[in-house]
Amino acid sequence: MRGRRILLVDDICTTGTTLARAVDCLLRAGAEAVDCVVAARTPAHPDRRG
């Protein structure tokens, strides 16, 4: 893993928490870089829009 570039693929992104945690783990394990691709993203909840 050390020094490798990782492509993380997910089917759907809701809050992004799962992707963020996975990226953090991969970087701590020594990945050089992590890129994420998702097939779909849920719309933001009205209370969470900035």
C-alpha atoms as a PDB file:
ATOM      1  CA  MET A   1       0.000   0.000   0.000  1.00  0.00           C
ATOM      2  CA  ARG A   2       2.787   2.417   0.860  1.00  0.00           C
ATOM      3  CA  GLY A   3       3.352   4.914  -1.923  1.00  0.00           C
ATOM      4  CA  ARG A   4       0.443   3.743  -4.073  1.00  0.00           C
ATOM      5  CA  ARG A   5      -2.265   5.866  -5.645  1.00  0.00           C
ATOM      6  CA  ILE A   6      -5.742   4.513  -4.837  1.00  0.00           C
ATOM      7  CA  LEU A   7      -8.997   4.937  -6.749  1.00  0.00           C
ATOM      8  CA  LEU A   8     -11.902   4.480  -4.333  1.00  0.00           C
ATOM      9  CA  VAL A   9     -15.210   3.733  -6.094  1.00  0.00           C
ATOM     10  CA  ASP A  10     -18.581   3.926  -4.330  1.00  0.00           C
ATOM     11  CA  ASP A  11     -22.100   3.459  -5.655  1.00  0.00           C
ATOM     12  CA  ILE A  12     -23.711   6.340  -3.726  1.00  0.00           C
ATOM     13  CA  CYS A  13     -22.557   9.201  -1.529  1.00  0.00           C
ATOM     14  CA  THR A  14     -24.981  10.481   1.077  1.00  0.00           C
ATOM     15  CA  THR A  15     -23.076  12.558   3.640  1.00  0.00           C
ATOM     16  CA  GLY A  16     -19.548  11.698   2.521  1.00  0.00           C
ATOM     17  CA  THR A  17     -18.610  10.370   5.951  1.00  0.00           C
ATOM     18  CA  THR A  18     -17.865   6.842   4.754  1.00  0.00           C
ATOM     19  CA  LEU A  19     -15.637   8.098   1.951  1.00  0.00           C
ATOM     20  CA  ALA A  20     -13.844  10.511   4.273  1.00  0.00           C
ATOM     21  CA  ARG A  21     -13.097   7.771   6.798  1.00  0.00           C
ATOM     22  CA  ALA A  22     -11.932   5.365   4.117  1.00  0.00           C
ATOM     23  CA  VAL A  23      -9.620   8.014   2.637  1.00  0.00           C
ATOM     24  CA  ASP A  24      -8.225   8.782   6.088  1.00  0.00           C
ATOM     25  CA  CYS A  25      -7.497   5.091   6.743  1.00  0.00           C
ATOM     26  CA  LEU A  26      -5.846   4.620   3.355  1.00  0.00           C
ATOM     27  CA  LEU A  27      -3.634   7.682   3.782  1.00  0.00           C
ATOM     28  CA  ARG A  28      -2.619   6.599   7.299  1.00  0.00           C
ATOM     29  CA  ALA A  29      -1.781   3.176   5.860  1.00  0.00           C
ATOM     30  CA  GLY A  30       0.677   4.848   3.512  1.00  0.00           C
ATOM     31  CA  ALA A  31      -1.202   5.554   0.292  1.00  0.00           C
ATOM     32  CA  GLU A  32       0.385   8.400  -1.677  1.00  0.00           C
ATOM     33  CA  ALA A  33      -2.989   9.700  -2.863  1.00  0.00           C
ATOM     34  CA  VAL A  34      -6.637   8.660  -2.850  1.00  0.00           C
ATOM     35  CA  ASP A  35      -9.136   9.735  -5.507  1.00  0.00           C
ATOM     36  CA  CYS A  36     -12.857   9.068  -5.063  1.00  0.00           C
ATOM     37  CA  VAL A  37     -15.497   8.412  -7.713  1.00  0.00           C
ATOM     38  CA  VAL A  38     -19.198   7.969  -6.966  1.00  0.00           C
ATOM     39  CA  ALA A  39     -22.011   6.914  -9.286  1.00  0.00           C
ATOM     40  CA  ALA A  40     -24.677   8.978  -7.510  1.00  0.00           C
ATOM     41  CA  ARG A  41     -25.005  11.534  -4.758  1.00  0.00           C
ATOM     42  CA  THR A  42     -28.086  12.180  -2.674  1.00  0.00           C
ATOM     43  CA  PRO A  43     -29.348  15.770  -2.608  1.00  0.00           C
ATOM     44  CA  ALA A  44     -28.496  17.864   0.422  1.00  0.00           C
ATOM     45  CA  HIS A  45     -31.123  18.018   3.139  1.00  0.00           C
ATOM     46  CA  PRO A  46     -32.760  21.493   3.252  1.00  0.00           C
ATOM     47  CA  ASP A  47     -31.529  22.017   6.818  1.00  0.00           C
ATOM     48  CA  ARG A  48     -27.917  21.317   5.792  1.00  0.00           C
ATOM     49  CA  ARG A  49     -27.602  23.633   2.805  1.00  0.00           C
ATOM     50  CA  GLY A  50     -25.086  26.378   3.260  1.00  0.00           C
END
